[in-house]
Amino acid sequence: MDNNHLTLNANPIVVALQKPSAAFTKADIIDYIVKNDIRMVNFMYPGGDGKLKTLNFVINDLAYLDTILTCGERVDGSSLFSFIQAGSSDLYVLPRFRTAFLDPFAEIPTVSLLCSFFDKDGYPLESSPEHTLHKAAVAFTKVTGMEFQAMGELEYYVISNDEGVFPAQDQRGYHESAPYAKANEFRTRCMQYIAQSGGQIKYGHSEVGNFCLDGKNYEQNEIEFLPVDVEQAADQLMLAKWIIRNLAYELGYDVTFAPKITAGKAGSGLHIHMRIVKDGKNQMLTNGVLSESARRMIAGMMDLAPAITAFGNKNPTSYFRLVPHQEAPTNVCWGDRNRSVLVRVPLGWAANVDMCHAANPLEPETNYDTSIKQTVEMRSPDGSADLYQLLAGLCVACRHGFEMAEALAVAEKTYVNINIHAAENADRLATLAQLPDSCFASAECLERQRHVFEEQGVFSQAMIDGIIAQLRAFNDRTLRKDIENNPDEIQKLVKQYFQCG
């Protein structure tokens, strides 16, 4: 990669070292720390609650810096994960050099790195989030010969004092500009910090949800990423949530990624876009139409969709979002540009028309390869998701589609090109499987299909057991039906799980 390509990179470590982060070595990290008077190092890693944890190191001397970067450190696994017993809880955390970034919030100059977990024998911890995702990515490539890439649409609400000026129209905030959207500057600062930490951002905008309640202004925002290898996609989403919360705290806002914000208002999802790549070329299209490989991916997701909610919809409020008529899916189906389906095939620039030339007649016509932009989008997950489990589960599901003999028939059977919830389409709706309506039901679905996720050792038995136990413990089998017409009880539930994921 030439230096000109790196000049505009937002990560100051990339610019200083003049190499992409994927090529960072221990010597590079030490060199940057020494030359830039960095005084501290942070190790960061996900816990069982889906949030990033932090371990701080003061740099005493070069020997100590080399030691922590080489050997990592011990942590108490039983305090991080429910499936680890206190009697044998020691784990190692080792930094992944490619994730290094300059902490944008630290007063003391600090380099932070994401870490991997290792067991007492020095092997990757089979049930750790990041290693589960790594195993899923390796298995996908082994079966298909292709790379699995993903990116997330990270939705969240920003909550501030209602100033009563330039009021926004209730539930009409989509792509709104200032001054009707009050959180735009906050969002752009978040985007800047996320990019500096290595996040590959596509764009940001205000979303549909906005309203005032009890003197507070609630504004929904979205930051969407670019497709990258699936392991990097999870890392950048983890860091993005950490950055958004920290900047909100610094500026006196509150934020939430909760799937349900209040009764009758739009909740926040975490839509995941996916594509498959071989030799640097997107394999989602063939001659401008969805490829057989893409339809196999979709079939795998159709087959495993009920179980995937166990990774992507982690608390009872998730299932108050997955109801009809709120742009959230309830049935197992897919379609083109259709926001009532579970898996959507968004517009993919497949029309073979030079729109840039049409909008700008002074520009010469080109044969720009727009096929790189085609993805498919899973719409059920939300901000309660365990990001590594979710992306691993989707990776398994898409691989499963290549292993299903009847995959293309499943894809054809579950395709819809209509509003599935319109009254005239009731007969078609009745033929489709439904997503679970509770954490308890989601656990039952995962139990029935767990063998697929455990194939090739991707999800460990201990991890699946832990997820099922966690979901069943909510004891919410009939909760949605019991309180769906009781806004006060729904609001109590929202408050309980307001800071999820």
Protein backbone atom coordinates (compact mmCIF):
# COMPACT_ATOMS: atom_id res chain seq x y z
CA MET A 1 0.00 0.00 0.00
CA ASP A 2 1.53 3.34 -1.05
CA ASN A 3 1.91 6.33 1.27
CA ASN A 4 -0.60 8.43 -0.67
CA HIS A 5 -3.31 5.91 0.20
CA LEU A 6 -2.54 6.28 3.92
CA THR A 7 -2.39 10.08 4.02
CA LEU A 8 -6.11 10.55 4.63
CA ASN A 9 -6.39 7.72 7.15
CA ALA A 10 -8.05 8.98 10.35
CA ASN A 11 -6.03 6.74 12.69
CA PRO A 12 -2.99 8.78 13.81
CA ILE A 13 -0.98 5.61 14.45
CA VAL A 14 -1.52 4.48 10.85
CA VAL A 15 -0.40 7.89 9.58
CA ALA A 16 2.65 8.01 11.87
CA LEU A 17 3.81 4.49 10.98
CA GLN A 18 2.79 4.80 7.31
CA LYS A 19 1.42 1.28 7.21
CA PRO A 20 -2.11 -0.16 7.46
CA SER A 21 -3.20 -1.34 10.90
CA ALA A 22 -3.38 -4.96 9.70
CA ALA A 23 0.42 -4.82 9.32
CA PHE A 24 1.19 -3.44 12.81
CA THR A 25 3.90 -5.31 14.73
CA LYS A 26 5.02 -5.14 18.32
CA ALA A 27 8.05 -3.14 17.23
CA ASP A 28 5.71 -0.65 15.50
CA ILE A 29 3.65 -0.16 18.66
CA ILE A 30 6.76 0.36 20.79
CA ASP A 31 8.22 2.77 18.24
CA TYR A 32 5.03 4.85 18.19
CA ILE A 33 4.82 4.92 22.00
CA VAL A 34 8.41 6.06 22.38
CA LYS A 35 8.35 8.70 19.65
CA ASN A 36 5.00 10.18 20.75
CA ASP A 37 5.60 10.26 24.51
CA ILE A 38 2.77 7.83 25.27
CA ARG A 39 2.63 7.24 29.02
CA MET A 40 -0.05 4.57 29.39
CA VAL A 41 -1.36 1.44 27.65
CA ASN A 42 -4.90 0.10 27.98
CA PHE A 43 -5.98 -3.48 27.30
CA MET A 44 -9.67 -3.71 26.32
CA TYR A 45 -11.80 -6.85 25.91
CA PRO A 46 -15.50 -7.82 25.85
CA GLY A 47 -17.16 -9.39 28.89
CA GLY A 48 -20.15 -11.67 29.02
CA ASP A 49 -22.45 -8.63 29.31
CA GLY A 50 -21.37 -7.45 25.86
CA LYS A 51 -19.55 -4.36 27.15
CA LEU A 52 -15.85 -3.52 26.84
CA LYS A 53 -13.67 -3.93 29.94
CA THR A 54 -10.40 -2.03 30.51
CA LEU A 55 -7.07 -2.82 32.19
CA ASN A 56 -4.66 0.13 32.61
CA PHE A 57 -0.85 0.00 32.52
CA VAL A 58 1.59 2.79 33.36
CA ILE A 59 4.71 2.44 31.23
CA ASN A 60 7.65 2.08 33.64
CA ASP A 61 10.36 1.41 31.09
CA LEU A 62 10.96 -0.24 27.74
CA ALA A 63 11.46 -3.68 29.27
CA TYR A 64 8.10 -3.53 31.03
CA LEU A 65 6.38 -2.29 27.86
CA ASP A 66 7.86 -5.18 25.90
CA THR A 67 6.72 -7.62 28.61
CA ILE A 68 3.07 -6.57 28.65
CA LEU A 69 2.86 -6.50 24.85
CA THR A 70 4.46 -9.95 24.61
CA CYS A 71 3.01 -11.78 27.60
CA GLY A 72 -0.27 -9.98 28.19
CA GLU A 73 -1.73 -10.20 31.69
CA ARG A 74 -3.92 -12.39 33.92
CA VAL A 75 -7.60 -11.61 34.49
CA ASP A 76 -10.39 -13.21 36.53
CA GLY A 77 -12.49 -15.04 33.98
CA SER A 78 -15.27 -15.86 36.45
CA SER A 79 -15.94 -12.14 36.90
CA LEU A 80 -16.19 -11.70 33.12
CA PHE A 81 -18.10 -14.79 31.99
CA SER A 82 -20.85 -16.80 33.71
CA PHE A 83 -19.61 -20.09 32.21
CA ILE A 84 -16.24 -19.90 34.01
CA GLN A 85 -16.05 -21.22 37.57
CA ALA A 86 -14.24 -19.31 40.33
CA GLY A 87 -12.16 -22.38 41.23
CA SER A 88 -10.30 -22.26 37.90
CA SER A 89 -10.94 -18.77 36.67
CA ASP A 90 -7.56 -17.36 35.61
CA LEU A 91 -7.32 -16.35 31.97
CA TYR A 92 -4.72 -14.50 29.92
CA VAL A 93 -5.49 -11.45 27.79
CA LEU A 94 -3.09 -10.76 24.89
CA PRO A 95 -3.27 -7.58 22.77
CA ARG A 96 -3.95 -7.72 19.04
CA PHE A 97 -1.53 -5.17 17.61
CA ARG A 98 -3.70 -4.43 14.56
CA THR A 99 -6.34 -2.88 16.87
CA ALA A 100 -4.07 -0.21 18.41
CA PHE A 101 -5.51 3.31 18.62
CA LEU A 102 -4.89 6.55 20.48
CA ASP A 103 -7.46 6.95 23.26
CA PRO A 104 -9.44 10.12 22.37
CA PHE A 105 -10.68 10.62 25.95
CA ALA A 106 -7.51 10.12 28.01
CA GLU A 107 -5.82 13.20 29.52
CA ILE A 108 -2.63 11.17 29.84
CA PRO A 109 -1.46 10.11 26.33
CA THR A 110 -2.66 6.50 26.03
CA VAL A 111 -2.57 3.76 23.43
CA SER A 112 -5.38 1.20 23.69
CA LEU A 113 -5.55 -2.25 22.15
CA LEU A 114 -8.27 -4.90 21.94
CA CYS A 115 -7.31 -8.28 23.37
CA SER A 116 -7.89 -11.99 22.86
CA PHE A 117 -8.44 -14.50 25.67
CA PHE A 118 -6.21 -17.53 26.27
CA ASP A 119 -6.67 -20.43 28.70
CA LYS A 120 -4.28 -21.74 31.38
CA ASP A 121 -2.44 -23.86 28.80
CA GLY A 122 -1.83 -20.90 26.49
CA TYR A 123 -4.43 -21.81 23.89
CA PRO A 124 -7.23 -19.52 22.63
CA LEU A 125 -10.21 -19.78 24.99
CA GLU A 126 -12.76 -21.87 23.07
CA SER A 127 -15.76 -20.01 24.50
CA SER A 128 -14.38 -16.49 24.24
CA PRO A 129 -16.37 -14.09 22.04
CA GLU A 130 -13.58 -13.06 19.68
CA HIS A 131 -12.25 -16.61 19.19
CA THR A 132 -15.74 -17.95 18.44
CA LEU A 133 -16.03 -15.37 15.66
CA HIS A 134 -12.56 -16.24 14.37
CA LYS A 135 -13.49 -19.92 14.18
CA ALA A 136 -16.70 -19.03 12.32
CA ALA A 137 -14.77 -16.98 9.75
CA VAL A 138 -12.19 -19.73 9.21
CA ALA A 139 -14.90 -22.38 8.77
CA PHE A 140 -16.76 -20.19 6.25
CA THR A 141 -13.65 -19.78 4.11
CA LYS A 142 -12.79 -23.48 4.42
CA VAL A 143 -16.21 -24.52 3.07
CA THR A 144 -16.77 -21.79 0.46
CA GLY A 145 -13.31 -20.57 -0.53
CA MET A 146 -14.55 -17.03 0.07
CA GLU A 147 -14.13 -14.31 2.70
CA PHE A 148 -17.15 -13.33 4.81
CA GLN A 149 -17.50 -9.58 5.26
CA ALA A 150 -19.98 -7.61 7.33
CA MET A 151 -20.88 -4.19 8.63
CA GLY A 152 -23.43 -2.82 11.06
CA GLU A 153 -26.01 -0.04 11.13
CA LEU A 154 -25.58 1.20 14.71
CA GLU A 155 -28.78 2.93 15.89
CA TYR A 156 -29.05 4.75 19.22
CA TYR A 157 -30.98 7.48 20.99
CA VAL A 158 -29.40 10.70 22.29
CA ILE A 159 -31.25 12.14 25.29
CA SER A 160 -30.86 15.80 26.28
CA ASN A 161 -32.83 18.58 27.97
CA ASP A 162 -35.71 19.82 25.82
CA GLU A 163 -35.04 23.49 25.03
CA GLY A 164 -38.39 23.98 23.30
CA VAL A 165 -36.94 25.58 20.16
CA PHE A 166 -37.24 24.32 16.57
CA PRO A 167 -39.26 21.31 17.66
CA ALA A 168 -38.97 18.27 15.40
CA GLN A 169 -42.07 16.51 14.11
CA ASP A 170 -42.75 13.42 16.21
CA GLN A 171 -41.35 10.23 14.62
CA ARG A 172 -40.27 12.16 11.51
CA GLY A 173 -36.54 12.57 12.13
CA TYR A 174 -35.19 10.63 9.14
CA HIS A 175 -32.11 12.45 7.75
CA GLU A 176 -33.26 15.66 9.44
CA SER A 177 -30.87 18.64 9.45
CA ALA A 178 -30.10 21.10 12.22
CA PRO A 179 -31.68 22.94 13.95
CA TYR A 180 -34.60 20.49 13.92
CA ALA A 181 -32.16 17.67 14.67
CA LYS A 182 -30.23 18.68 17.81
CA ALA A 183 -27.72 15.81 18.04
CA ASN A 184 -26.06 16.10 14.62
CA GLU A 185 -22.87 17.72 15.91
CA PHE A 186 -22.58 15.10 18.66
CA ARG A 187 -22.93 12.36 16.05
CA THR A 188 -20.25 13.81 13.79
CA ARG A 189 -17.82 14.05 16.71
CA CYS A 190 -18.56 10.41 17.51
CA MET A 191 -17.83 9.53 13.89
CA GLN A 192 -14.52 11.37 14.03
CA TYR A 193 -13.40 9.49 17.16
CA ILE A 194 -14.60 6.15 15.78
CA ALA A 195 -12.61 6.73 12.58
CA GLN A 196 -9.54 7.66 14.64
CA SER A 197 -9.86 4.32 16.45
CA GLY A 198 -9.85 2.44 13.13
CA GLY A 199 -13.57 2.23 12.36
CA GLN A 200 -14.38 2.24 8.64
CA ILE A 201 -17.45 4.48 8.52
CA LYS A 202 -19.82 4.73 5.56
CA TYR A 203 -21.98 7.60 6.83
CA GLY A 204 -24.08 8.94 9.70
CA HIS A 205 -27.54 10.53 9.90
CA SER A 206 -30.49 11.23 12.14
CA GLU A 207 -33.08 8.45 12.16
CA VAL A 208 -36.87 8.30 12.28
CA GLY A 209 -37.31 8.27 16.05
CA ASN A 210 -37.66 11.60 17.86
CA PHE A 211 -39.99 12.76 20.62
CA CYS A 212 -40.13 14.70 23.88
CA LEU A 213 -40.95 13.09 27.22
CA ASP A 214 -40.80 14.52 30.76
CA GLY A 215 -38.76 17.55 29.69
CA LYS A 216 -36.24 15.46 27.75
CA ASN A 217 -35.54 15.43 24.01
CA TYR A 218 -35.05 11.97 22.48
CA GLU A 219 -33.36 11.79 19.08
CA GLN A 220 -32.54 8.63 17.22
CA ASN A 221 -29.27 8.53 15.25
CA GLU A 222 -27.47 6.01 13.10
CA ILE A 223 -23.83 5.44 12.18
CA GLU A 224 -23.32 2.92 9.39
CA PHE A 225 -20.04 1.21 8.60
CA LEU A 226 -18.35 -0.10 5.47
CA PRO A 227 -18.05 -3.86 4.85
CA VAL A 228 -14.81 -5.29 6.25
CA ASP A 229 -13.71 -8.76 7.29
CA VAL A 230 -16.17 -10.03 9.87
CA GLU A 231 -13.72 -10.00 12.79
CA GLN A 232 -12.84 -6.36 12.18
CA ALA A 233 -16.56 -5.56 11.84
CA ALA A 234 -17.21 -6.80 15.38
CA ASP A 235 -14.21 -4.94 16.82
CA GLN A 236 -15.23 -1.62 15.30
CA LEU A 237 -18.83 -1.93 16.52
CA MET A 238 -17.60 -2.66 20.05
CA LEU A 239 -15.35 0.39 20.01
CA ALA A 240 -18.07 2.56 18.45
CA LYS A 241 -20.50 1.84 21.29
CA TRP A 242 -17.76 2.57 23.85
CA ILE A 243 -16.91 5.86 22.12
CA ILE A 244 -20.53 7.01 21.79
CA ARG A 245 -21.17 6.40 25.49
CA ASN A 246 -17.95 8.09 26.61
CA LEU A 247 -18.48 11.20 24.51
CA ALA A 248 -22.10 11.43 25.69
CA TYR A 249 -20.91 11.27 29.30
CA GLU A 250 -18.29 13.95 28.61
CA LEU A 251 -20.88 16.29 27.07
CA GLY A 252 -23.69 15.67 29.57
CA TYR A 253 -25.96 13.57 27.32
CA ASP A 254 -27.37 10.13 27.93
CA VAL A 255 -27.47 7.54 25.16
CA THR A 256 -29.10 4.16 24.80
CA PHE A 257 -28.89 1.35 22.25
CA ALA A 258 -32.00 -0.31 23.75
CA PRO A 259 -34.33 -2.04 21.27
CA LYS A 260 -37.41 -0.44 22.83
CA ILE A 261 -37.34 3.17 23.96
CA THR A 262 -40.97 3.75 25.03
CA ALA A 263 -44.43 2.51 24.11
CA GLY A 264 -45.53 3.53 20.62
CA LYS A 265 -42.16 4.89 19.46
CA ALA A 266 -39.55 3.50 17.07
CA GLY A 267 -37.01 1.23 18.73
CA SER A 268 -33.38 0.85 17.71
CA GLY A 269 -32.15 -2.06 15.64
CA LEU A 270 -28.69 -3.25 14.69
CA HIS A 271 -29.10 -4.26 11.06
CA ILE A 272 -26.16 -6.30 9.75
CA HIS A 273 -25.13 -6.16 6.09
CA MET A 274 -23.09 -9.02 4.64
CA ARG A 275 -21.25 -9.86 1.45
CA ILE A 276 -18.87 -12.55 0.24
CA VAL A 277 -15.60 -11.80 -1.53
CA LYS A 278 -13.19 -13.91 -3.57
CA ASP A 279 -9.90 -12.59 -4.93
CA GLY A 280 -11.01 -9.09 -4.00
CA LYS A 281 -14.25 -9.27 -6.00
CA ASN A 282 -17.76 -9.17 -4.55
CA GLN A 283 -19.63 -12.41 -5.29
CA MET A 284 -23.15 -11.16 -4.52
CA LEU A 285 -24.15 -10.48 -8.14
CA THR A 286 -24.00 -12.38 -11.42
CA ASN A 287 -24.76 -10.33 -14.53
CA GLY A 288 -26.49 -7.69 -12.41
CA VAL A 289 -28.80 -10.06 -10.51
CA LEU A 290 -28.44 -11.78 -7.15
CA SER A 291 -26.00 -14.67 -7.51
CA GLU A 292 -26.59 -18.30 -6.59
CA SER A 293 -24.03 -17.90 -3.80
CA ALA A 294 -25.97 -14.95 -2.37
CA ARG A 295 -29.22 -16.92 -2.47
CA ARG A 296 -27.52 -19.81 -0.65
CA MET A 297 -26.40 -17.38 2.06
CA ILE A 298 -29.97 -16.16 2.42
CA ALA A 299 -31.33 -19.71 2.58
CA GLY A 300 -28.99 -20.50 5.46
CA MET A 301 -30.24 -17.45 7.34
CA MET A 302 -33.85 -18.42 6.62
CA ASP A 303 -33.24 -21.87 8.10
CA LEU A 304 -31.47 -20.64 11.25
CA ALA A 305 -33.23 -17.30 11.75
CA PRO A 306 -35.21 -18.28 14.88
CA ALA A 307 -32.02 -19.40 16.64
CA ILE A 308 -30.05 -16.32 15.56
CA THR A 309 -32.28 -14.22 17.82
CA ALA A 310 -30.48 -15.92 20.75
CA PHE A 311 -27.36 -13.97 19.75
CA GLY A 312 -28.93 -10.77 18.44
CA ASN A 313 -31.93 -10.16 20.71
CA LYS A 314 -30.72 -10.60 24.25
CA ASN A 315 -33.35 -9.16 26.61
CA PRO A 316 -37.17 -9.13 26.91
CA THR A 317 -37.56 -5.66 25.37
CA SER A 318 -36.09 -7.02 22.12
CA TYR A 319 -39.34 -8.84 21.48
CA PHE A 320 -41.45 -5.69 21.94
CA ARG A 321 -39.57 -4.28 18.94
CA LEU A 322 -40.14 -7.38 16.78
CA VAL A 323 -43.82 -6.66 16.16
CA PRO A 324 -45.71 -5.85 12.93
CA HIS A 325 -45.93 -2.36 11.39
CA GLN A 326 -42.79 -0.88 13.00
CA GLU A 327 -40.21 -1.61 10.24
CA ALA A 328 -38.99 -4.57 12.27
CA PRO A 329 -39.37 -8.16 11.01
CA THR A 330 -41.64 -10.78 12.56
CA ASN A 331 -41.64 -13.47 9.87
CA VAL A 332 -38.92 -15.56 8.26
CA CYS A 333 -38.79 -14.26 4.69
CA TRP A 334 -36.67 -12.11 2.40
CA GLY A 335 -37.15 -9.70 -0.47
CA ASP A 336 -35.81 -6.82 -2.54
CA ARG A 337 -35.89 -3.33 -1.01
CA ASN A 338 -38.70 -4.53 1.30
CA ARG A 339 -38.45 -3.29 4.91
CA SER A 340 -41.11 -5.67 6.26
CA VAL A 341 -38.93 -8.74 5.61
CA LEU A 342 -36.27 -10.38 7.77
CA VAL A 343 -33.48 -10.29 5.15
CA ARG A 344 -33.57 -7.38 2.72
CA VAL A 345 -31.65 -7.06 -0.54
CA PRO A 346 -31.03 -3.31 -0.67
CA LEU A 347 -30.48 -1.28 -3.81
CA GLY A 348 -27.13 -2.34 -5.19
CA TRP A 349 -26.28 0.04 -8.05
CA ALA A 350 -26.98 -2.80 -10.50
CA ALA A 351 -28.80 -0.70 -13.13
CA ASN A 352 -25.63 -0.22 -15.24
CA VAL A 353 -26.34 3.51 -15.60
CA ASP A 354 -23.74 6.23 -15.07
CA MET A 355 -25.75 8.38 -12.64
CA CYS A 356 -22.70 10.52 -11.82
CA HIS A 357 -22.48 11.63 -15.45
CA ALA A 358 -26.25 12.25 -15.55
CA ALA A 359 -26.04 14.48 -12.45
CA ASN A 360 -22.80 16.14 -13.58
CA PRO A 361 -22.70 16.48 -17.39
CA LEU A 362 -19.12 17.83 -17.28
CA GLU A 363 -17.92 14.47 -15.94
CA PRO A 364 -16.94 11.91 -18.58
CA GLU A 365 -18.84 8.63 -18.64
CA THR A 366 -17.04 5.79 -16.87
CA ASN A 367 -17.41 2.04 -16.38
CA TYR A 368 -17.09 2.19 -12.57
CA ASP A 369 -17.63 -1.25 -11.00
CA THR A 370 -20.60 -0.63 -8.71
CA SER A 371 -21.09 -4.35 -7.95
CA ILE A 372 -18.75 -3.92 -4.97
CA LYS A 373 -21.63 -2.20 -3.14
CA GLN A 374 -24.16 -5.07 -3.15
CA THR A 375 -24.96 -6.63 0.23
CA VAL A 376 -27.81 -8.45 1.96
CA GLU A 377 -29.16 -7.14 5.27
CA MET A 378 -30.35 -9.06 8.34
CA ARG A 379 -32.91 -6.84 10.12
CA SER A 380 -33.81 -8.70 13.33
CA PRO A 381 -30.80 -7.91 15.63
CA ASP A 382 -30.74 -4.96 18.00
CA GLY A 383 -28.44 -3.16 20.42
CA SER A 384 -28.77 -5.86 23.08
CA ALA A 385 -26.80 -8.24 20.84
CA ASP A 386 -23.51 -9.82 21.80
CA LEU A 387 -21.66 -8.55 18.75
CA TYR A 388 -19.18 -11.41 18.45
CA GLN A 389 -21.82 -14.09 18.99
CA LEU A 390 -24.18 -12.40 16.52
CA LEU A 391 -21.65 -12.07 13.72
CA ALA A 392 -20.39 -15.60 14.37
CA GLY A 393 -23.97 -16.87 14.22
CA LEU A 394 -24.62 -15.09 10.92
CA CYS A 395 -21.35 -16.40 9.53
CA VAL A 396 -22.38 -19.95 10.49
CA ALA A 397 -25.83 -19.46 8.98
CA CYS A 398 -24.44 -18.23 5.66
CA ARG A 399 -21.99 -21.15 5.56
CA HIS A 400 -24.91 -23.46 6.36
CA GLY A 401 -26.60 -22.26 3.18
CA PHE A 402 -23.71 -23.64 1.12
CA GLU A 403 -24.03 -26.97 2.94
CA MET A 404 -27.82 -27.32 2.45
CA ALA A 405 -28.74 -29.47 -0.52
CA GLU A 406 -32.12 -27.73 -0.81
CA ALA A 407 -30.80 -24.18 -0.27
CA LEU A 408 -32.04 -22.69 -3.55
CA ALA A 409 -35.50 -24.17 -3.03
CA VAL A 410 -35.62 -22.69 0.48
CA ALA A 411 -34.62 -19.30 -0.91
CA GLU A 412 -37.36 -19.46 -3.54
CA LYS A 413 -40.00 -20.56 -1.01
CA THR A 414 -39.25 -17.74 1.45
CA TYR A 415 -39.00 -14.90 -1.09
CA VAL A 416 -41.70 -12.22 -0.91
CA ASN A 417 -42.11 -9.04 -2.97
CA ILE A 418 -45.20 -7.70 -1.19
CA ASN A 419 -46.07 -5.97 2.08
CA ILE A 420 -46.44 -9.15 4.06
CA HIS A 421 -48.59 -7.49 6.73
CA ALA A 422 -51.22 -6.07 4.36
CA ALA A 423 -54.66 -7.66 4.89
CA GLU A 424 -54.86 -8.93 1.31
CA ASN A 425 -51.67 -10.96 1.85
CA ALA A 426 -52.88 -12.86 4.92
CA ASP A 427 -52.77 -16.23 3.13
CA ARG A 428 -49.13 -15.75 2.15
CA LEU A 429 -48.26 -14.59 5.68
CA ALA A 430 -49.73 -17.78 7.11
CA THR A 431 -47.20 -19.89 5.16
CA LEU A 432 -44.17 -18.21 6.75
CA ALA A 433 -42.41 -19.20 9.95
CA GLN A 434 -42.37 -16.60 12.73
CA LEU A 435 -39.52 -15.28 14.83
CA PRO A 436 -39.61 -16.06 18.56
CA ASP A 437 -41.68 -13.75 20.75
CA SER A 438 -39.54 -13.95 23.91
CA CYS A 439 -36.08 -14.72 25.23
CA PHE A 440 -37.45 -18.03 26.47
CA ALA A 441 -38.73 -18.99 23.01
CA SER A 442 -35.43 -17.87 21.48
CA ALA A 443 -33.57 -20.22 23.84
CA GLU A 444 -35.82 -23.09 22.74
CA CYS A 445 -35.04 -22.35 19.09
CA LEU A 446 -31.29 -22.33 19.80
CA GLU A 447 -31.57 -25.62 21.68
CA ARG A 448 -33.23 -27.25 18.66
CA GLN A 449 -30.65 -25.95 16.17
CA ARG A 450 -27.54 -25.83 18.34
CA HIS A 451 -25.85 -28.69 16.48
CA VAL A 452 -25.42 -26.47 13.40
CA PHE A 453 -23.66 -23.76 15.41
CA GLU A 454 -21.46 -26.33 17.16
CA GLU A 455 -20.30 -27.94 13.89
CA GLN A 456 -16.57 -27.56 13.17
CA GLY A 457 -16.15 -26.46 16.80
CA VAL A 458 -17.32 -22.89 16.12
CA PHE A 459 -19.59 -22.42 19.13
CA SER A 460 -18.46 -24.43 22.14
CA GLN A 461 -21.03 -26.47 24.04
CA ALA A 462 -20.29 -24.36 27.13
CA MET A 463 -21.09 -21.15 25.26
CA ILE A 464 -24.38 -22.49 23.86
CA ASP A 465 -25.35 -23.83 27.30
CA GLY A 466 -24.57 -20.44 28.83
CA ILE A 467 -26.62 -18.52 26.25
CA ILE A 468 -29.62 -20.82 26.69
CA ALA A 469 -29.47 -20.56 30.48
CA GLN A 470 -29.16 -16.77 30.31
CA LEU A 471 -32.20 -16.42 28.04
CA ARG A 472 -34.38 -18.85 29.98
CA ALA A 473 -33.62 -17.02 33.21
CA PHE A 474 -35.68 -14.02 32.00
CA ASN A 475 -38.77 -16.24 32.39
CA ASP A 476 -40.61 -14.11 29.82
CA ARG A 477 -42.49 -16.84 27.95
CA THR A 478 -45.82 -14.90 27.99
CA LEU A 479 -44.54 -11.43 28.93
CA ARG A 480 -45.24 -9.71 25.60
CA LYS A 481 -48.83 -10.93 25.55
CA ASP A 482 -49.31 -10.12 29.23
CA ILE A 483 -48.31 -6.42 29.04
CA GLU A 484 -48.51 -5.44 25.36
CA ASN A 485 -51.51 -3.18 26.11
CA ASN A 486 -50.08 -1.77 29.34
CA PRO A 487 -47.78 1.20 28.54
CA ASP A 488 -46.79 1.68 32.20
CA GLU A 489 -45.53 -1.88 32.51
CA ILE A 490 -43.73 -1.64 29.17
CA GLN A 491 -42.02 1.53 30.38
CA LYS A 492 -40.86 -0.22 33.57
CA LEU A 493 -39.34 -2.94 31.40
CA VAL A 494 -37.65 -0.37 29.13
CA LYS A 495 -36.13 1.34 32.16
CA GLN A 496 -34.83 -1.97 33.50
CA TYR A 497 -32.92 -2.74 30.28
CA PHE A 498 -32.16 0.81 29.19
CA GLN A 499 -28.35 0.35 29.22
CA CYS A 500 -28.12 -2.99 27.44
CA GLY A 501 -25.25 -4.29 25.34
